[in-house]
Amino acid sequence: MNGDLIDLVLSIVSEIPEGSVATYGQIAYLADKPRNARLVGKILSISEYFGKYPCHRVVNHKGRIAPCFKEQKNLLQLEGIEFRDETHVNLTKHRWKI
């Protein structure tokens, strides 16, 4: 993982508009690393060392929020994101249209 990739991923995440979510895979694709969704997750897990980014707007390919990110659900609900159940956002309605 290099600094340029970290900067690229975080700049992409910073573009996700309020009220929308993106998947780790979408971010990986936009970073020209289409099969590296887990790498995106790793970068987001250390994002606090690089500044403040809306990492709460990134979910897995099924819309599931991160189990270890306790504030994520509340932050998304404050932005108007609807959930299908306790842990999955409504991707049909809220997926970031790129």
N, C-alpha and C. Protein backbone atom coordinates (compact mmCIF):
# COMPACT_ATOMS: atom_id res chain seq x y z
N MET A 1 0.85 -1.17 0.00
CA MET A 1 0.00 0.00 0.00
C MET A 1 0.90 1.24 0.00
N ASN A 2 0.74 2.09 -1.00
CA ASN A 2 1.59 3.26 -1.06
C ASN A 2 0.78 4.54 -0.86
N GLY A 3 1.48 5.62 -0.60
CA GLY A 3 0.85 6.90 -0.31
C GLY A 3 -0.04 7.41 -1.43
N ASP A 4 0.38 7.19 -2.68
CA ASP A 4 -0.43 7.65 -3.80
C ASP A 4 -1.77 6.93 -3.85
N LEU A 5 -1.77 5.64 -3.60
CA LEU A 5 -3.01 4.88 -3.60
C LEU A 5 -3.91 5.31 -2.44
N ILE A 6 -3.32 5.52 -1.29
CA ILE A 6 -4.10 5.99 -0.14
C ILE A 6 -4.75 7.33 -0.47
N ASP A 7 -3.98 8.25 -1.03
CA ASP A 7 -4.53 9.57 -1.41
C ASP A 7 -5.65 9.44 -2.42
N LEU A 8 -5.47 8.56 -3.41
CA LEU A 8 -6.48 8.37 -4.44
C LEU A 8 -7.78 7.83 -3.84
N VAL A 9 -7.67 6.78 -3.04
CA VAL A 9 -8.86 6.19 -2.43
C VAL A 9 -9.58 7.21 -1.56
N LEU A 10 -8.85 7.93 -0.74
CA LEU A 10 -9.49 8.91 0.15
C LEU A 10 -10.09 10.08 -0.63
N SER A 11 -9.48 10.45 -1.74
CA SER A 11 -10.07 11.52 -2.55
C SER A 11 -11.37 11.06 -3.21
N ILE A 12 -11.43 9.80 -3.61
CA ILE A 12 -12.66 9.24 -4.17
C ILE A 12 -13.75 9.22 -3.10
N VAL A 13 -13.40 8.74 -1.92
CA VAL A 13 -14.38 8.68 -0.82
C VAL A 13 -14.90 10.08 -0.49
N SER A 14 -14.04 11.07 -0.57
CA SER A 14 -14.47 12.44 -0.24
C SER A 14 -15.49 12.98 -1.24
N GLU A 15 -15.61 12.35 -2.41
CA GLU A 15 -16.57 12.77 -3.43
C GLU A 15 -17.96 12.16 -3.25
N ILE A 16 -18.11 11.17 -2.39
CA ILE A 16 -19.42 10.53 -2.20
C ILE A 16 -20.34 11.56 -1.58
N PRO A 17 -21.45 11.89 -2.25
CA PRO A 17 -22.33 12.94 -1.73
C PRO A 17 -23.12 12.49 -0.50
N GLU A 18 -23.46 13.45 0.33
CA GLU A 18 -24.29 13.17 1.49
C GLU A 18 -25.60 12.54 1.01
N GLY A 19 -26.06 11.52 1.72
CA GLY A 19 -27.28 10.82 1.34
C GLY A 19 -27.05 9.68 0.37
N SER A 20 -25.81 9.41 0.04
CA SER A 20 -25.45 8.31 -0.86
C SER A 20 -24.42 7.43 -0.18
N VAL A 21 -24.35 6.18 -0.63
CA VAL A 21 -23.30 5.27 -0.17
C VAL A 21 -22.64 4.64 -1.39
N ALA A 22 -21.40 4.24 -1.22
CA ALA A 22 -20.67 3.51 -2.25
C ALA A 22 -20.20 2.20 -1.63
N THR A 23 -19.88 1.25 -2.48
CA THR A 23 -19.35 -0.01 -1.98
C THR A 23 -17.82 0.02 -2.07
N TYR A 24 -17.20 -0.85 -1.30
CA TYR A 24 -15.74 -0.97 -1.36
C TYR A 24 -15.32 -1.29 -2.79
N GLY A 25 -16.11 -2.12 -3.46
CA GLY A 25 -15.80 -2.49 -4.84
C GLY A 25 -15.89 -1.31 -5.80
N GLN A 26 -16.87 -0.45 -5.61
CA GLN A 26 -16.97 0.75 -6.46
C GLN A 26 -15.73 1.62 -6.30
N ILE A 27 -15.31 1.80 -5.06
CA ILE A 27 -14.13 2.63 -4.80
C ILE A 27 -12.90 1.99 -5.43
N ALA A 28 -12.77 0.68 -5.29
CA ALA A 28 -11.63 -0.03 -5.89
C ALA A 28 -11.63 0.14 -7.40
N TYR A 29 -12.79 0.01 -8.01
CA TYR A 29 -12.91 0.17 -9.47
C TYR A 29 -12.49 1.58 -9.89
N LEU A 30 -12.98 2.59 -9.18
CA LEU A 30 -12.64 3.97 -9.51
C LEU A 30 -11.15 4.27 -9.30
N ALA A 31 -10.52 3.53 -8.41
CA ALA A 31 -9.09 3.70 -8.15
C ALA A 31 -8.24 2.85 -9.09
N ASP A 32 -8.88 2.23 -10.09
CA ASP A 32 -8.20 1.38 -11.06
C ASP A 32 -7.57 0.15 -10.39
N LYS A 33 -8.23 -0.34 -9.36
CA LYS A 33 -7.83 -1.56 -8.66
C LYS A 33 -9.08 -2.43 -8.49
N PRO A 34 -9.70 -2.83 -9.60
CA PRO A 34 -11.05 -3.42 -9.56
C PRO A 34 -11.23 -4.67 -8.71
N ARG A 35 -10.21 -5.39 -8.41
CA ARG A 35 -10.38 -6.61 -7.60
C ARG A 35 -9.77 -6.45 -6.21
N ASN A 36 -9.74 -5.22 -5.73
CA ASN A 36 -9.08 -4.94 -4.46
C ASN A 36 -9.98 -4.23 -3.46
N ALA A 37 -11.23 -4.68 -3.34
CA ALA A 37 -12.16 -4.08 -2.40
C ALA A 37 -11.64 -4.18 -0.96
N ARG A 38 -10.99 -5.29 -0.63
CA ARG A 38 -10.46 -5.44 0.73
C ARG A 38 -9.34 -4.43 1.01
N LEU A 39 -8.56 -4.12 0.00
CA LEU A 39 -7.52 -3.12 0.17
C LEU A 39 -8.15 -1.76 0.48
N VAL A 40 -9.25 -1.45 -0.19
CA VAL A 40 -9.98 -0.21 0.09
C VAL A 40 -10.42 -0.20 1.55
N GLY A 41 -10.96 -1.31 2.02
CA GLY A 41 -11.36 -1.41 3.42
C GLY A 41 -10.21 -1.17 4.37
N LYS A 42 -9.06 -1.71 4.05
CA LYS A 42 -7.86 -1.52 4.88
C LYS A 42 -7.47 -0.05 4.92
N ILE A 43 -7.50 0.60 3.76
CA ILE A 43 -7.16 2.02 3.70
C ILE A 43 -8.14 2.83 4.53
N LEU A 44 -9.42 2.53 4.41
CA LEU A 44 -10.42 3.28 5.17
C LEU A 44 -10.27 3.05 6.67
N SER A 45 -9.79 1.88 7.06
CA SER A 45 -9.62 1.60 8.48
C SER A 45 -8.52 2.46 9.12
N ILE A 46 -7.63 3.01 8.30
CA ILE A 46 -6.56 3.86 8.82
C ILE A 46 -6.72 5.31 8.37
N SER A 47 -7.86 5.64 7.81
CA SER A 47 -8.06 6.98 7.23
C SER A 47 -7.93 8.10 8.24
N GLU A 48 -8.21 7.84 9.51
CA GLU A 48 -8.14 8.88 10.53
C GLU A 48 -6.74 9.49 10.65
N TYR A 49 -5.72 8.76 10.20
CA TYR A 49 -4.35 9.27 10.26
C TYR A 49 -4.06 10.29 9.15
N PHE A 50 -4.98 10.40 8.20
CA PHE A 50 -4.77 11.28 7.04
C PHE A 50 -5.74 12.45 6.98
N GLY A 51 -6.66 12.53 7.91
CA GLY A 51 -7.64 13.62 7.92
C GLY A 51 -9.03 13.08 8.16
N LYS A 52 -10.02 13.92 7.89
CA LYS A 52 -11.41 13.56 8.13
C LYS A 52 -12.08 13.28 6.78
N TYR A 53 -12.55 12.07 6.61
CA TYR A 53 -13.20 11.65 5.37
C TYR A 53 -14.53 10.97 5.70
N PRO A 54 -15.49 11.02 4.78
CA PRO A 54 -16.80 10.41 5.05
C PRO A 54 -16.80 8.90 4.81
N CYS A 55 -15.93 8.20 5.52
CA CYS A 55 -15.80 6.75 5.35
C CYS A 55 -17.07 6.01 5.75
N HIS A 56 -17.92 6.66 6.55
CA HIS A 56 -19.18 6.03 6.94
C HIS A 56 -20.09 5.79 5.75
N ARG A 57 -19.81 6.42 4.63
CA ARG A 57 -20.63 6.27 3.42
C ARG A 57 -20.20 5.08 2.55
N VAL A 58 -19.31 4.25 3.06
CA VAL A 58 -18.84 3.09 2.30
C VAL A 58 -19.31 1.82 3.01
N VAL A 59 -19.94 0.92 2.23
CA VAL A 59 -20.50 -0.32 2.76
C VAL A 59 -20.05 -1.48 1.87
N ASN A 60 -20.36 -2.71 2.28
CA ASN A 60 -19.95 -3.83 1.43
C ASN A 60 -20.91 -4.00 0.25
N HIS A 61 -20.65 -4.96 -0.60
CA HIS A 61 -21.40 -5.13 -1.84
C HIS A 61 -22.87 -5.48 -1.63
N LYS A 62 -23.22 -5.91 -0.43
CA LYS A 62 -24.62 -6.21 -0.12
C LYS A 62 -25.28 -5.09 0.68
N GLY A 63 -24.52 -4.04 0.94
CA GLY A 63 -25.06 -2.91 1.69
C GLY A 63 -24.86 -3.00 3.18
N ARG A 64 -24.10 -4.00 3.63
CA ARG A 64 -23.90 -4.17 5.07
C ARG A 64 -22.90 -3.16 5.60
N ILE A 65 -23.25 -2.58 6.74
CA ILE A 65 -22.33 -1.65 7.39
C ILE A 65 -21.23 -2.44 8.10
N ALA A 66 -20.17 -1.76 8.44
CA ALA A 66 -19.03 -2.41 9.09
C ALA A 66 -19.36 -2.74 10.54
N PRO A 67 -19.22 -4.00 10.95
CA PRO A 67 -19.58 -4.38 12.31
C PRO A 67 -18.74 -3.69 13.40
N CYS A 68 -17.52 -3.31 13.07
CA CYS A 68 -16.65 -2.68 14.08
C CYS A 68 -16.75 -1.15 14.09
N PHE A 69 -17.58 -0.58 13.25
CA PHE A 69 -17.73 0.88 13.14
C PHE A 69 -19.07 1.25 13.77
N LYS A 70 -19.07 1.39 15.09
CA LYS A 70 -20.30 1.56 15.87
C LYS A 70 -21.12 2.79 15.48
N GLU A 71 -20.48 3.87 15.08
CA GLU A 71 -21.19 5.11 14.76
C GLU A 71 -21.75 5.15 13.34
N GLN A 72 -21.36 4.19 12.51
CA GLN A 72 -21.69 4.25 11.08
C GLN A 72 -23.20 4.34 10.84
N LYS A 73 -23.97 3.49 11.48
CA LYS A 73 -25.41 3.48 11.23
C LYS A 73 -26.04 4.82 11.59
N ASN A 74 -25.68 5.35 12.74
CA ASN A 74 -26.24 6.63 13.16
C ASN A 74 -25.86 7.76 12.19
N LEU A 75 -24.60 7.79 11.76
CA LEU A 75 -24.16 8.82 10.82
C LEU A 75 -24.93 8.73 9.50
N LEU A 76 -25.16 7.52 9.03
CA LEU A 76 -25.91 7.35 7.78
C LEU A 76 -27.36 7.75 7.95
N GLN A 77 -27.97 7.38 9.07
CA GLN A 77 -29.36 7.75 9.30
C GLN A 77 -29.51 9.26 9.40
N LEU A 78 -28.55 9.94 9.99
CA LEU A 78 -28.59 11.40 10.06
C LEU A 78 -28.57 12.04 8.67
N GLU A 79 -28.03 11.33 7.68
CA GLU A 79 -27.99 11.82 6.30
C GLU A 79 -29.20 11.36 5.50
N GLY A 80 -30.13 10.66 6.14
CA GLY A 80 -31.34 10.23 5.45
C GLY A 80 -31.25 8.87 4.77
N ILE A 81 -30.20 8.13 5.03
CA ILE A 81 -30.05 6.80 4.44
C ILE A 81 -31.03 5.85 5.11
N GLU A 82 -31.77 5.11 4.29
CA GLU A 82 -32.72 4.13 4.80
C GLU A 82 -32.07 2.76 4.84
N PHE A 83 -32.49 1.95 5.81
CA PHE A 83 -31.97 0.60 5.99
C PHE A 83 -33.03 -0.43 5.64
N ARG A 84 -32.61 -1.54 5.03
CA ARG A 84 -33.51 -2.67 4.75
C ARG A 84 -33.76 -3.47 6.01
N ASP A 85 -32.74 -3.55 6.86
CA ASP A 85 -32.84 -4.25 8.13
C ASP A 85 -31.83 -3.59 9.07
N GLU A 86 -31.50 -4.20 10.15
CA GLU A 86 -30.62 -3.60 11.15
C GLU A 86 -29.22 -3.26 10.65
N THR A 87 -28.73 -4.01 9.68
CA THR A 87 -27.33 -3.83 9.28
C THR A 87 -27.10 -3.57 7.79
N HIS A 88 -28.17 -3.48 7.00
CA HIS A 88 -28.01 -3.30 5.54
C HIS A 88 -28.74 -2.05 5.06
N VAL A 89 -27.99 -1.19 4.36
CA VAL A 89 -28.61 -0.01 3.77
C VAL A 89 -29.39 -0.40 2.52
N ASN A 90 -30.29 0.45 2.12
CA ASN A 90 -31.06 0.24 0.90
C ASN A 90 -30.19 0.71 -0.28
N LEU A 91 -29.43 -0.20 -0.84
CA LEU A 91 -28.53 0.15 -1.95
C LEU A 91 -29.30 0.57 -3.19
N THR A 92 -30.46 -0.01 -3.40
CA THR A 92 -31.25 0.35 -4.59
C THR A 92 -31.56 1.84 -4.58
N LYS A 93 -31.85 2.37 -3.44
CA LYS A 93 -32.22 3.78 -3.32
C LYS A 93 -31.03 4.71 -3.12
N HIS A 94 -30.00 4.24 -2.42
CA HIS A 94 -28.95 5.17 -1.97
C HIS A 94 -27.57 4.93 -2.58
N ARG A 95 -27.41 3.95 -3.49
CA ARG A 95 -26.08 3.72 -4.08
C ARG A 95 -25.66 4.94 -4.88
N TRP A 96 -24.40 5.33 -4.70
CA TRP A 96 -23.81 6.46 -5.41
C TRP A 96 -23.83 6.16 -6.91
N LYS A 97 -24.46 7.04 -7.66
CA LYS A 97 -24.50 6.91 -9.12
C LYS A 97 -23.30 7.65 -9.69
N ILE A 98 -22.38 6.89 -10.24
CA ILE A 98 -21.15 7.49 -10.76
C ILE A 98 -21.25 7.65 -12.26
